[in-house]
C-alpha atoms as a PDB file:
ATOM      1  CA  GLN A   1     126.326 100.455  84.790  1.00  0.00           C
ATOM      2  CA  VAL A   2     123.917  97.820  83.964  1.00  0.00           C
ATOM      3  CA  GLN A   3     122.381  97.992  80.259  1.00  0.00           C
ATOM      4  CA  LEU A   4     119.294  95.448  78.395  1.00  0.00           C
ATOM      5  CA  VAL A   5     118.454  96.083  75.245  1.00  0.00           C
ATOM      6  CA  GLU A   6     115.967  93.971  73.265  1.00  0.00           C
ATOM      7  CA  SER A   7     116.148  93.972  69.564  1.00  0.00           C
ATOM      8  CA  GLY A   8     113.760  91.738  66.420  1.00  0.00           C
ATOM      9  CA  GLY A   9     110.928  92.903  67.630  1.00  0.00           C
ATOM     10  CA  GLY A  10     108.484  94.245  65.547  1.00  0.00           C
ATOM     11  CA  TRP A  11     105.530  93.554  62.806  1.00  0.00           C
ATOM     12  CA  VAL A  12     104.253  89.989  62.227  1.00  0.00           C
ATOM     13  CA  GLN A  13     101.241  88.346  60.632  1.00  0.00           C
ATOM     14  CA  PRO A  14      99.433  85.535  62.738  1.00  0.00           C
ATOM     15  CA  GLY A  15     101.387  82.414  62.369  1.00  0.00           C
ATOM     16  CA  GLY A  16     104.329  84.609  61.895  1.00  0.00           C
ATOM     17  CA  SER A  17     107.931  84.330  63.511  1.00  0.00           C
ATOM     18  CA  LEU A  18     110.140  86.268  64.765  1.00  0.00           C
ATOM     19  CA  ARG A  19     113.022  86.138  67.544  1.00  0.00           C
ATOM     20  CA  LEU A  20     114.098  89.238  69.826  1.00  0.00           C
ATOM     21  CA  ALA A  21     118.114  89.267  70.826  1.00  0.00           C
ATOM     22  CA  CYS A  22     118.303  91.056  74.471  1.00  0.00           C
ATOM     23  CA  THR A  23     122.422  91.726  74.529  1.00  0.00           C
ATOM     24  CA  ALA A  24     123.597  92.933  78.805  1.00  0.00           C
ATOM     25  CA  SER A  25     126.979  94.731  79.828  1.00  0.00           C
ATOM     26  CA  GLY A  26     127.509  95.977  82.992  1.00  0.00           C
ATOM     27  CA  PHE A  27     127.105  92.397  85.005  1.00  0.00           C
ATOM     28  CA  THR A  28     128.403  88.562  84.680  1.00  0.00           C
ATOM     29  CA  PHE A  29     126.077  87.851  82.210  1.00  0.00           C
ATOM     30  CA  LEU A  30     126.838  84.176  82.467  1.00  0.00           C
ATOM     31  CA  ASN A  31     126.000  84.056  85.872  1.00  0.00           C
ATOM     32  CA  GLN A  32     122.727  85.138  85.877  1.00  0.00           C
ATOM     33  CA  THR A  33     118.830  83.312  84.846  1.00  0.00           C
ATOM     34  CA  MET A  34     117.843  85.751  82.190  1.00  0.00           C
ATOM     35  CA  ARG A  35     114.221  86.109  81.952  1.00  0.00           C
ATOM     36  CA  TRP A  36     111.181  87.026  79.411  1.00  0.00           C
ATOM     37  CA  TYR A  37     108.577  88.762  79.940  1.00  0.00           C
ATOM     38  CA  ARG A  38     105.870  90.728  78.030  1.00  0.00           C
ATOM     39  CA  GLN A  39     102.742  93.104  78.566  1.00  0.00           C
ATOM     40  CA  ALA A  40      99.718  93.824  76.775  1.00  0.00           C
ATOM     41  CA  PRO A  41      98.062  96.780  76.891  1.00  0.00           C
ATOM     42  CA  GLY A  42      95.665  96.726  79.820  1.00  0.00           C
ATOM     43  CA  LYS A  43      97.520  93.511  81.218  1.00  0.00           C
ATOM     44  CA  GLU A  44      99.904  92.740  83.875  1.00  0.00           C
ATOM     45  CA  ARG A  45     103.045  92.338  83.024  1.00  0.00           C
ATOM     46  CA  GLU A  46     103.826  88.111  82.832  1.00  0.00           C
ATOM     47  CA  LEU A  47     106.730  85.748  83.056  1.00  0.00           C
ATOM     48  CA  VAL A  48     107.213  84.292  79.216  1.00  0.00           C
ATOM     49  CA  ALA A  49     110.317  82.389  79.476  1.00  0.00           C
ATOM     50  CA  ALA A  50     113.535  82.566  81.671  1.00  0.00           C
ATOM     51  CA  ILE A  51     116.889  80.314  81.562  1.00  0.00           C
ATOM     52  CA  GLY A  52     119.721  78.985  83.741  1.00  0.00           C
ATOM     53  CA  SER A  53     123.380  80.312  84.538  1.00  0.00           C
ATOM     54  CA  GLY A  54     124.733  77.983  82.253  1.00  0.00           C
ATOM     55  CA  SER A  55     121.755  76.858  80.413  1.00  0.00           C
ATOM     56  CA  THR A  56     121.469  74.179  82.438  1.00  0.00           C
ATOM     57  CA  LEU A  57     117.526  74.832  83.138  1.00  0.00           C
ATOM     58  CA  THR A  58     115.006  76.770  80.435  1.00  0.00           C
ATOM     59  CA  GLY A  59     111.203  77.274  80.709  1.00  0.00           C
ATOM     60  CA  THR A  60     108.291  78.400  78.803  1.00  0.00           C
ATOM     61  CA  MET A  61     105.183  79.268  80.783  1.00  0.00           C
ATOM     62  CA  ASP A  62     102.476  76.796  79.212  1.00  0.00           C
ATOM     63  CA  PHE A  63     100.594  79.342  77.157  1.00  0.00           C
ATOM     64  CA  THR A  64     103.220  79.490  75.010  1.00  0.00           C
ATOM     65  CA  GLU A  65     102.614  75.438  73.992  1.00  0.00           C
ATOM     66  CA  GLY A  66     105.858  74.657  72.739  1.00  0.00           C
ATOM     67  CA  ARG A  67     106.060  77.469  70.052  1.00  0.00           C
ATOM     68  CA  PHE A  68     108.775  79.455  72.141  1.00  0.00           C
ATOM     69  CA  ALA A  69     112.276  78.874  72.667  1.00  0.00           C
ATOM     70  CA  ILE A  70     115.035  80.778  75.184  1.00  0.00           C
ATOM     71  CA  SER A  71     118.872  80.092  74.819  1.00  0.00           C
ATOM     72  CA  ARG A  72     121.575  82.125  75.321  1.00  0.00           C
ATOM     73  CA  ASP A  73     124.944  82.939  74.086  1.00  0.00           C
ATOM     74  CA  ASP A  74     127.442  83.716  77.034  1.00  0.00           C
ATOM     75  CA  ALA A  75     130.397  84.935  74.331  1.00  0.00           C
ATOM     76  CA  LYS A  76     127.705  87.394  72.538  1.00  0.00           C
ATOM     77  CA  ASN A  77     126.235  88.389  76.026  1.00  0.00           C
ATOM     78  CA  THR A  78     122.758  87.894  74.624  1.00  0.00           C
ATOM     79  CA  VAL A  79     119.618  86.012  75.307  1.00  0.00           C
ATOM     80  CA  TYR A  80     117.036  84.849  72.533  1.00  0.00           C
ATOM     81  CA  LEU A  81     113.707  84.312  72.166  1.00  0.00           C
ATOM     82  CA  GLN A  82     112.272  82.299  69.600  1.00  0.00           C
ATOM     83  CA  MET A  83     108.586  82.924  68.988  1.00  0.00           C
ATOM     84  CA  ASN A  84     106.743  80.735  66.276  1.00  0.00           C
ATOM     85  CA  SER A  85     103.003  80.620  65.273  1.00  0.00           C
ATOM     86  CA  LEU A  86     102.262  83.561  66.824  1.00  0.00           C
ATOM     87  CA  LYS A  87      99.058  84.807  67.595  1.00  0.00           C
ATOM     88  CA  PRO A  88      97.117  88.401  67.896  1.00  0.00           C
ATOM     89  CA  GLY A  89      97.031  88.289  71.630  1.00  0.00           C
ATOM     90  CA  GLU A  90     100.537  88.212  72.044  1.00  0.00           C
ATOM     91  CA  THR A  91     100.539  91.909  70.889  1.00  0.00           C
ATOM     92  CA  ALA A  92     102.615  92.993  73.753  1.00  0.00           C
ATOM     93  CA  THR A  93     106.092  94.806  74.465  1.00  0.00           C
ATOM     94  CA  TYR A  94     108.659  92.401  75.529  1.00  0.00           C
ATOM     95  CA  TYR A  95     111.279  93.020  78.536  1.00  0.00           C
ATOM     96  CA  CYS A  96     114.857  91.155  78.830  1.00  0.00           C
ATOM     97  CA  GLN A  97     115.254  90.791  82.836  1.00  0.00           C
ATOM     98  CA  PHE A  98     117.521  89.386  85.359  1.00  0.00           C
ATOM     99  CA  GLY A  99     117.144  89.452  89.557  1.00  0.00           C
ATOM    100  CA  LEU A 100     114.929  88.934  92.101  1.00  0.00           C
ATOM    101  CA  GLY A 101     113.814  90.895  94.946  1.00  0.00           C
ATOM    102  CA  TYR A 102     114.674  94.109  94.957  1.00  0.00           C
ATOM    103  CA  ASN A 103     117.810  93.807  92.858  1.00  0.00           C
ATOM    104  CA  VAL A 104     115.869  93.733  89.433  1.00  0.00           C
ATOM    105  CA  ASN A 105     116.941  94.949  86.519  1.00  0.00           C
ATOM    106  CA  TRP A 106     115.013  95.805  83.625  1.00  0.00           C
ATOM    107  CA  GLY A 107     115.480  96.222  79.225  1.00  0.00           C
ATOM    108  CA  ARG A 108     113.196  99.081  77.548  1.00  0.00           C
ATOM    109  CA  GLY A 109     111.072  96.311  75.976  1.00  0.00           C
ATOM    110  CA  ILE A 110     110.755  95.978  71.987  1.00  0.00           C
ATOM    111  CA  GLN A 111     107.468  95.886  71.132  1.00  0.00           C
ATOM    112  CA  VAL A 112     105.872  92.562  68.970  1.00  0.00           C
ATOM    113  CA  THR A 113     102.425  93.565  66.839  1.00  0.00           C
ATOM    114  CA  VAL A 114     100.458  90.491  65.497  1.00  0.00           C
ATOM    115  CA  CYS A 115      98.147  91.629  62.970  1.00  0.00           C
ATOM    116  CA  SER A 116      96.851  91.015  59.501  1.00  0.00           C
END
């Protein structure tokens, strides 16, 4: 059974940092491109970052402005999202995901709240 479990969320002040983790099971993790998405209240879910198999290709969306970094540890079946200089508008539920088309798998999400 495929499982993606996010952790590391919580409350942080503007300008602060958080490191999210997504631990996977039930599939061959090292073969998969892993992605982080987020969904703010009243907004559509959006892609934040992605990392390919073997970490050969990584990318973050332009809105992260170099503040976020995605990484993976295949020995631990875990993908990370390091978020620095967080802004209030980045309050959202953050999701881990892999797969394409009709074969997409999502974690349950983890809440990140950025406020004073």
